């Protein structure tokens, strides 16, 4: 019988209790040190809460990116979305951080909508659906305040003519043996899935094709996507490009017990399209670190470290570090109970998403201004 706490982290599945230090060792990445944070602070001023609270915890060549930047070499940003459904709050977290980097380093973002990947991987999705989700997901990106002058959204199916020559160059230099070792491909894996990592590599290098300027790229993303960049880094210099650098974030937990937020468990996700009623219902049914009764909570205190409600404050909905620490202390000592935190979080998430939904609808008028083939 499988152990529900056993850690499984791949680009397509995350489950179990995630040991981030173990992932750093297994993936061969580097931890973000205090020294690196100080170096970032020189360029960013006040550090974003996702850096201060170590939500971004690991990297590849971030130190090299900063070294090149200090020498006058700019870089681009690259991240993306696999459009298999509506966007949830967990997806927004690294996008908000990406905008923070873009604003402070004044750089371009190439954002890849992988409608092709989701079609070849997800048996229950039609290509028409993944393309529609890609368009809808783009509205969520734009609603966060990105600007068309330096943000370029790539829709893989629509833009394949722009991507294909670089994808071919990458694919020619990656053996099936390597791909199978990295991604675990089987004899039953369809060939679209096997080729697709070559397409995901393209935005690392697309800036050079569009502008003639060869600069490195920095990829803010969850660490489960790291295997793609390991393969890309292996071929980058053979093609005359810089190796892409990465900065990895932790997984935003769902509102259930254990695991990252996943659209496959919609009752544990807060989607950007949810109504205030949906939001309240999901938060009030969330798994917490509280005791079975209010009396026990007052006496023994709660456990914020395992509480999904507290994690929402940590990741997005409490910018003030002192207030977050106060909430944590009040939970541990029983001065507050779970209903207190749920009420505050419901109010903050509802306010945030109602504003986001208004901006999302306005984005329908400008979305084509962000297309890379505009």
Protein backbone atom coordinates (compact mmCIF):
# COMPACT_ATOMS: atom_id res chain seq x y z
CA UNK A 1 0.00 0.00 0.00
CA UNK A 2 1.53 3.41 -1.00
CA UNK A 3 2.63 5.74 1.76
CA UNK A 4 0.56 8.94 1.46
CA UNK A 5 3.44 10.94 2.98
CA UNK A 6 6.00 9.64 0.46
CA UNK A 7 7.40 12.55 -1.58
CA UNK A 8 6.81 12.48 -5.33
CA UNK A 9 7.86 15.58 -7.31
CA UNK A 10 7.78 15.57 -11.12
CA UNK A 11 6.71 18.23 -13.66
CA UNK A 12 3.27 16.55 -13.75
CA UNK A 13 2.69 15.32 -10.22
CA UNK A 14 3.43 16.56 -6.71
CA UNK A 15 2.23 14.61 -3.70
CA UNK A 16 3.29 13.58 -0.22
CA UNK A 17 5.25 15.53 2.34
CA UNK A 18 7.74 17.68 0.43
CA UNK A 19 11.28 17.86 1.86
CA UNK A 20 12.78 20.92 0.18
CA UNK A 21 16.31 20.33 1.46
CA UNK A 22 16.16 16.84 -0.01
CA UNK A 23 14.94 18.27 -3.33
CA UNK A 24 17.92 20.64 -3.44
CA UNK A 25 20.24 17.66 -3.00
CA UNK A 26 18.44 15.43 -5.48
CA UNK A 27 18.00 18.09 -8.19
CA UNK A 28 21.49 19.51 -7.67
CA UNK A 29 20.36 23.11 -7.19
CA UNK A 30 21.73 25.72 -4.79
CA UNK A 31 20.00 27.19 -1.73
CA UNK A 32 19.35 30.93 -1.66
CA UNK A 33 21.77 32.15 0.99
CA UNK A 34 21.79 35.27 3.13
CA UNK A 35 24.69 36.54 1.00
CA UNK A 36 22.64 36.14 -2.17
CA UNK A 37 19.68 37.90 -0.57
CA UNK A 38 21.94 40.81 0.32
CA UNK A 39 23.16 40.94 -3.27
CA UNK A 40 19.56 40.99 -4.50
CA UNK A 41 18.71 43.71 -2.02
CA UNK A 42 21.27 46.02 -3.63
CA UNK A 43 19.19 46.00 -6.80
CA UNK A 44 15.70 45.44 -5.45
CA UNK A 45 15.64 47.62 -2.36
CA UNK A 46 13.06 46.09 -0.04
CA UNK A 47 12.89 42.37 -0.60
CA UNK A 48 9.58 40.90 -1.69
CA UNK A 49 7.79 38.87 0.98
CA UNK A 50 8.39 35.73 -1.09
CA UNK A 51 12.14 36.28 -0.68
CA UNK A 52 11.98 37.42 2.94
CA UNK A 53 9.99 34.35 3.92
CA UNK A 54 12.07 31.99 1.80
CA UNK A 55 9.18 30.95 -0.40
CA UNK A 56 11.76 31.22 -3.16
CA UNK A 57 14.43 29.03 -1.68
CA UNK A 58 16.60 27.53 -4.43
CA UNK A 59 18.29 28.58 -7.67
CA UNK A 60 20.57 27.77 -10.55
CA UNK A 61 23.01 30.52 -11.60
CA UNK A 62 21.08 33.39 -10.00
CA UNK A 63 24.42 34.61 -8.69
CA UNK A 64 25.81 34.57 -12.24
CA UNK A 65 22.80 36.51 -13.53
CA UNK A 66 23.43 39.22 -10.93
CA UNK A 67 27.16 39.26 -11.70
CA UNK A 68 26.45 39.76 -15.41
CA UNK A 69 23.83 42.40 -14.62
CA UNK A 70 26.32 44.34 -12.52
CA UNK A 71 28.67 44.23 -15.52
CA UNK A 72 25.98 45.82 -17.70
CA UNK A 73 24.50 42.62 -19.21
CA UNK A 74 20.73 42.59 -18.99
CA UNK A 75 18.60 39.46 -18.86
CA UNK A 76 15.06 38.42 -19.77
CA UNK A 77 12.44 36.68 -17.66
CA UNK A 78 10.61 33.54 -18.69
CA UNK A 79 7.81 31.66 -17.01
CA UNK A 80 4.52 30.15 -18.10
CA UNK A 81 1.35 28.22 -17.52
CA UNK A 82 0.00 24.83 -18.54
CA UNK A 83 -3.59 25.77 -19.43
CA UNK A 84 -5.62 22.74 -18.35
CA UNK A 85 -8.24 24.73 -16.43
CA UNK A 86 -8.85 28.02 -14.68
CA UNK A 87 -6.09 29.79 -12.75
CA UNK A 88 -6.04 29.43 -8.97
CA UNK A 89 -4.32 31.51 -6.31
CA UNK A 90 -1.34 29.14 -6.25
CA UNK A 91 -0.56 30.02 -9.86
CA UNK A 92 -0.63 33.74 -9.09
CA UNK A 93 2.08 33.59 -6.43
CA UNK A 94 5.12 33.17 -8.74
CA UNK A 95 3.54 35.48 -11.35
CA UNK A 96 3.31 38.28 -8.78
CA UNK A 97 6.95 37.69 -7.92
CA UNK A 98 7.87 37.72 -11.62
CA UNK A 99 6.27 41.15 -12.00
CA UNK A 100 8.27 42.37 -9.02
CA UNK A 101 11.48 41.24 -10.75
CA UNK A 102 10.39 42.72 -14.06
CA UNK A 103 9.59 46.11 -12.54
CA UNK A 104 12.81 46.35 -10.58
CA UNK A 105 15.19 45.07 -13.27
CA UNK A 106 13.27 46.76 -16.13
CA UNK A 107 13.32 43.72 -18.37
CA UNK A 108 11.19 41.74 -20.81
CA UNK A 109 9.02 38.79 -19.83
CA UNK A 110 8.32 35.92 -22.23
CA UNK A 111 5.32 34.01 -20.92
CA UNK A 112 4.59 30.61 -22.49
CA UNK A 113 1.06 29.19 -22.64
CA UNK A 114 1.67 25.50 -23.20
CA UNK A 115 -1.66 24.55 -24.77
CA UNK A 116 0.14 21.90 -26.85
CA UNK A 117 1.65 20.19 -23.80
CA UNK A 118 -1.66 19.93 -21.98
CA UNK A 119 -3.30 18.44 -25.06
CA UNK A 120 -0.71 15.68 -25.55
CA UNK A 121 -0.47 14.85 -21.83
CA UNK A 122 -4.05 15.13 -20.59
CA UNK A 123 -6.21 12.37 -22.06
CA UNK A 124 -9.49 14.10 -21.20
CA UNK A 125 -8.70 17.45 -22.84
CA UNK A 126 -9.32 18.43 -26.46
CA UNK A 127 -7.00 20.84 -28.24
CA UNK A 128 -9.84 23.32 -28.57
CA UNK A 129 -10.21 23.33 -24.77
CA UNK A 130 -6.53 23.89 -23.99
CA UNK A 131 -6.43 26.78 -26.48
CA UNK A 132 -9.50 28.34 -24.84
CA UNK A 133 -8.01 27.91 -21.37
CA UNK A 134 -4.77 29.53 -22.58
CA UNK A 135 -6.68 32.64 -23.65
CA UNK A 136 -8.62 32.76 -20.37
CA UNK A 137 -5.44 32.25 -18.32
CA UNK A 138 -3.78 35.11 -20.17
CA UNK A 139 -6.45 37.44 -18.77
CA UNK A 140 -5.34 36.51 -15.24
CA UNK A 141 -1.73 37.37 -16.07
CA UNK A 142 -2.66 40.75 -17.51
CA UNK A 143 -4.93 41.51 -14.54
CA UNK A 144 -1.84 41.50 -12.28
CA UNK A 145 -0.62 44.68 -13.97
CA UNK A 146 1.84 43.49 -16.60
CA UNK A 147 2.34 45.92 -19.49
CA UNK A 148 2.30 45.03 -23.21
CA UNK A 149 5.46 46.97 -24.03
CA UNK A 150 7.64 44.48 -22.15
CA UNK A 151 5.42 41.38 -21.78
CA UNK A 152 5.10 38.87 -24.60
CA UNK A 153 2.66 35.96 -24.31
CA UNK A 154 3.46 32.90 -26.42
CA UNK A 155 0.60 30.57 -27.35
CA UNK A 156 2.41 27.45 -28.49
CA UNK A 157 -0.12 26.19 -31.03
CA UNK A 158 -0.77 29.62 -32.51
CA UNK A 159 2.89 30.64 -32.49
CA UNK A 160 4.55 27.35 -33.47
CA UNK A 161 5.97 28.91 -36.64
CA UNK A 162 8.00 31.25 -34.47
CA UNK A 163 9.15 28.47 -32.16
CA UNK A 164 9.75 25.52 -34.42
CA UNK A 165 13.24 26.17 -35.79
CA UNK A 166 14.75 26.64 -32.31
CA UNK A 167 12.81 23.61 -31.03
CA UNK A 168 14.36 21.54 -33.82
CA UNK A 169 17.84 22.74 -32.92
CA UNK A 170 17.24 21.72 -29.30
CA UNK A 171 15.64 18.36 -30.14
CA UNK A 172 18.54 17.36 -32.38
CA UNK A 173 20.89 17.60 -29.41
CA UNK A 174 18.82 15.75 -26.79
CA UNK A 175 18.89 11.97 -26.98
CA UNK A 176 15.91 9.82 -26.07
CA UNK A 177 18.10 8.17 -23.45
CA UNK A 178 18.58 11.53 -21.73
CA UNK A 179 14.90 12.45 -21.99
CA UNK A 180 13.82 9.09 -20.62
CA UNK A 181 16.25 9.35 -17.70
CA UNK A 182 15.13 12.89 -16.80
CA UNK A 183 11.38 12.62 -17.40
CA UNK A 184 10.71 8.92 -16.91
CA UNK A 185 9.21 8.38 -20.36
CA UNK A 186 7.90 4.85 -21.01
CA UNK A 187 7.25 2.77 -24.15
CA UNK A 188 3.61 3.83 -23.82
CA UNK A 189 4.43 7.57 -23.78
CA UNK A 190 3.08 9.30 -26.89
CA UNK A 191 5.66 10.93 -29.15
CA UNK A 192 4.12 14.38 -28.77
CA UNK A 193 4.95 14.29 -25.10
CA UNK A 194 8.49 13.11 -25.81
CA UNK A 195 9.18 15.97 -28.23
CA UNK A 196 7.54 18.63 -26.13
CA UNK A 197 10.50 19.48 -23.81
CA UNK A 198 12.26 20.90 -26.89
CA UNK A 199 9.40 23.38 -27.32
CA UNK A 200 9.49 24.40 -23.66
CA UNK A 201 13.17 25.27 -24.11
CA UNK A 202 12.51 27.84 -26.85
CA UNK A 203 11.51 30.89 -24.76
CA UNK A 204 14.92 30.71 -23.07
CA UNK A 205 16.42 31.72 -26.41
CA UNK A 206 13.61 33.50 -28.30
CA UNK A 207 14.84 36.99 -27.38
CA UNK A 208 17.96 36.46 -29.47
CA UNK A 209 15.89 35.49 -32.48
CA UNK A 210 13.57 38.49 -32.13
CA UNK A 211 16.17 41.16 -31.36
CA UNK A 212 19.58 39.80 -32.30
CA UNK A 213 20.67 40.36 -28.68
CA UNK A 214 22.03 37.25 -26.94
CA UNK A 215 21.24 37.62 -23.23
CA UNK A 216 20.61 35.11 -20.44
CA UNK A 217 17.12 34.30 -19.17
CA UNK A 218 15.95 33.89 -15.58
CA UNK A 219 13.03 31.55 -14.89
CA UNK A 220 10.94 32.06 -11.73
CA UNK A 221 8.89 28.87 -11.24
CA UNK A 222 8.06 26.09 -8.82
CA UNK A 223 10.84 23.56 -8.42
CA UNK A 224 8.85 20.71 -9.99
CA UNK A 225 9.58 22.29 -13.40
CA UNK A 226 13.34 22.12 -12.89
CA UNK A 227 13.90 18.95 -14.99
CA UNK A 228 13.00 20.86 -18.16
CA UNK A 229 15.74 23.39 -17.54
CA UNK A 230 18.35 20.77 -16.75
CA UNK A 231 17.94 19.42 -20.27
CA UNK A 232 17.86 22.93 -21.74
CA UNK A 233 21.02 23.94 -19.91
CA UNK A 234 22.82 20.90 -21.34
CA UNK A 235 22.29 22.11 -24.93
CA UNK A 236 22.29 25.92 -24.53
CA UNK A 237 25.98 26.55 -25.05
CA UNK A 238 26.11 24.10 -27.98
CA UNK A 239 23.61 26.43 -29.67
CA UNK A 240 25.53 29.56 -28.74
CA UNK A 241 23.23 30.74 -25.96
CA UNK A 242 23.60 31.37 -22.24
CA UNK A 243 22.39 28.63 -19.94
CA UNK A 244 19.00 29.63 -18.50
CA UNK A 245 19.07 30.46 -14.80
CA UNK A 246 16.27 29.64 -12.39
CA UNK A 247 14.84 30.74 -9.08
CA UNK A 248 12.59 28.11 -7.52
CA UNK A 249 9.60 28.56 -5.24
CA UNK A 250 7.90 26.18 -2.85
CA UNK A 251 4.48 24.74 -3.62
CA UNK A 252 1.45 26.68 -2.47
CA UNK A 253 -0.56 24.18 -0.40
CA UNK A 254 -4.18 23.41 -1.08
CA UNK A 255 -6.82 23.93 1.58
CA UNK A 256 -6.96 20.19 2.25
CA UNK A 257 -4.54 18.10 4.27
CA UNK A 258 -1.17 17.78 2.52
CA UNK A 259 -0.08 18.32 -1.08
CA UNK A 260 0.18 21.39 -3.29
CA UNK A 261 -2.83 23.30 -4.54
CA UNK A 262 -4.17 21.36 -7.51
CA UNK A 263 -7.10 21.96 -9.83
CA UNK A 264 -7.74 18.21 -9.74
CA UNK A 265 -9.09 18.81 -6.20
CA UNK A 266 -11.23 21.91 -6.84
CA UNK A 267 -12.72 21.95 -3.35
CA UNK A 268 -9.22 22.70 -1.96
CA UNK A 269 -8.38 25.42 -4.51
CA UNK A 270 -9.43 29.04 -4.69
CA UNK A 271 -9.80 29.91 -8.35
CA UNK A 272 -9.64 33.45 -9.67
CA UNK A 273 -13.16 32.96 -11.04
CA UNK A 274 -14.68 31.88 -7.69
CA UNK A 275 -17.60 33.78 -6.20
CA UNK A 276 -17.53 35.23 -2.67
CA UNK A 277 -19.73 32.31 -1.62
CA UNK A 278 -17.24 29.81 -3.08
CA UNK A 279 -14.35 31.54 -1.32
CA UNK A 280 -16.07 31.54 2.07
CA UNK A 281 -17.14 27.90 1.77
CA UNK A 282 -13.66 26.69 0.84
CA UNK A 283 -11.85 28.66 3.53
CA UNK A 284 -14.27 27.66 6.29
CA UNK A 285 -13.87 24.00 5.31
CA UNK A 286 -10.06 24.24 5.17
CA UNK A 287 -7.69 21.96 7.10
CA UNK A 288 -6.10 23.87 9.96
CA UNK A 289 -3.62 23.34 12.74
CA UNK A 290 -6.29 23.93 15.35
CA UNK A 291 -7.54 21.71 18.17
CA UNK A 292 -10.83 19.79 18.10
CA UNK A 293 -12.56 22.28 20.41
CA UNK A 294 -12.23 25.97 21.24
CA UNK A 295 -11.52 25.05 24.86
CA UNK A 296 -8.55 22.89 23.85
CA UNK A 297 -7.33 25.58 21.46
CA UNK A 298 -7.35 28.17 24.22
CA UNK A 299 -5.46 25.81 26.51
CA UNK A 300 -2.98 24.13 24.14
CA UNK A 301 -2.73 26.54 21.22
CA UNK A 302 -2.67 25.65 17.53
CA UNK A 303 -0.03 24.58 15.04
CA UNK A 304 0.37 27.23 12.33
CA UNK A 305 3.14 25.29 10.58
CA UNK A 306 0.63 22.70 9.35
CA UNK A 307 -2.30 25.10 8.92
CA UNK A 308 -3.34 25.82 5.34
CA UNK A 309 -5.11 29.02 6.39
CA UNK A 310 -1.92 30.36 7.93
CA UNK A 311 -0.01 29.45 4.76
CA UNK A 312 -2.26 31.80 2.78
CA UNK A 313 -1.24 34.68 5.04
CA UNK A 314 2.39 33.61 4.65
CA UNK A 315 2.34 33.42 0.85
CA UNK A 316 0.18 36.35 -0.17
CA UNK A 317 -2.27 37.92 2.22
CA UNK A 318 -0.11 39.45 4.98
CA UNK A 319 2.74 41.64 3.80
CA UNK A 320 3.65 42.92 7.26
CA UNK A 321 6.18 40.56 8.86
CA UNK A 322 5.46 41.80 12.40
CA UNK A 323 1.72 41.19 12.02
CA UNK A 324 2.39 37.74 10.57
CA UNK A 325 4.62 36.89 13.54
CA UNK A 326 1.93 38.19 15.92
CA UNK A 327 -0.69 35.98 14.25
CA UNK A 328 1.61 32.98 14.51
CA UNK A 329 2.29 33.64 18.19
CA UNK A 330 -1.38 34.19 18.99
CA UNK A 331 -2.18 30.86 17.34
CA UNK A 332 0.47 28.95 19.27
CA UNK A 333 -0.65 30.38 22.60
CA UNK A 334 -4.38 30.00 21.98
CA UNK A 335 -5.17 33.72 22.01
CA UNK A 336 -6.94 33.23 18.67
CA UNK A 337 -8.88 30.29 17.29
CA UNK A 338 -9.28 29.01 13.75
CA UNK A 339 -12.52 30.90 13.15
CA UNK A 340 -10.72 34.19 13.80
CA UNK A 341 -8.15 33.52 11.08
CA UNK A 342 -10.72 32.11 8.66
CA UNK A 343 -12.87 35.22 8.98
CA UNK A 344 -9.95 37.57 8.28
CA UNK A 345 -8.66 35.46 5.39
CA UNK A 346 -12.11 35.22 3.81
CA UNK A 347 -12.39 39.00 3.82
CA UNK A 348 -8.92 39.54 2.35
CA UNK A 349 -9.19 36.88 -0.35
CA UNK A 350 -12.65 38.10 -1.37
CA UNK A 351 -11.49 41.70 -1.63
CA UNK A 352 -8.42 40.69 -3.63
CA UNK A 353 -10.30 38.47 -6.06
CA UNK A 354 -13.20 40.85 -6.68
CA UNK A 355 -10.66 43.48 -7.70
CA UNK A 356 -8.74 40.90 -9.75
CA UNK A 357 -11.94 39.82 -11.53
CA UNK A 358 -12.73 43.42 -12.54
CA UNK A 359 -9.23 43.82 -13.98
CA UNK A 360 -9.50 40.41 -15.63
CA UNK A 361 -12.60 41.44 -17.55
CA UNK A 362 -10.98 44.69 -18.66
CA UNK A 363 -8.05 42.65 -19.98
CA UNK A 364 -10.28 41.21 -22.71
CA UNK A 365 -9.96 44.56 -24.48
CA UNK A 366 -6.15 44.51 -24.48
CA UNK A 367 -5.11 40.85 -24.51
CA UNK A 368 -4.04 40.89 -28.17
CA UNK A 369 -1.58 43.70 -27.39
CA UNK A 370 0.41 41.11 -25.40
CA UNK A 371 0.62 38.47 -28.15
CA UNK A 372 4.23 37.82 -29.20
CA UNK A 373 3.03 37.86 -32.83
CA UNK A 374 1.13 41.14 -32.32
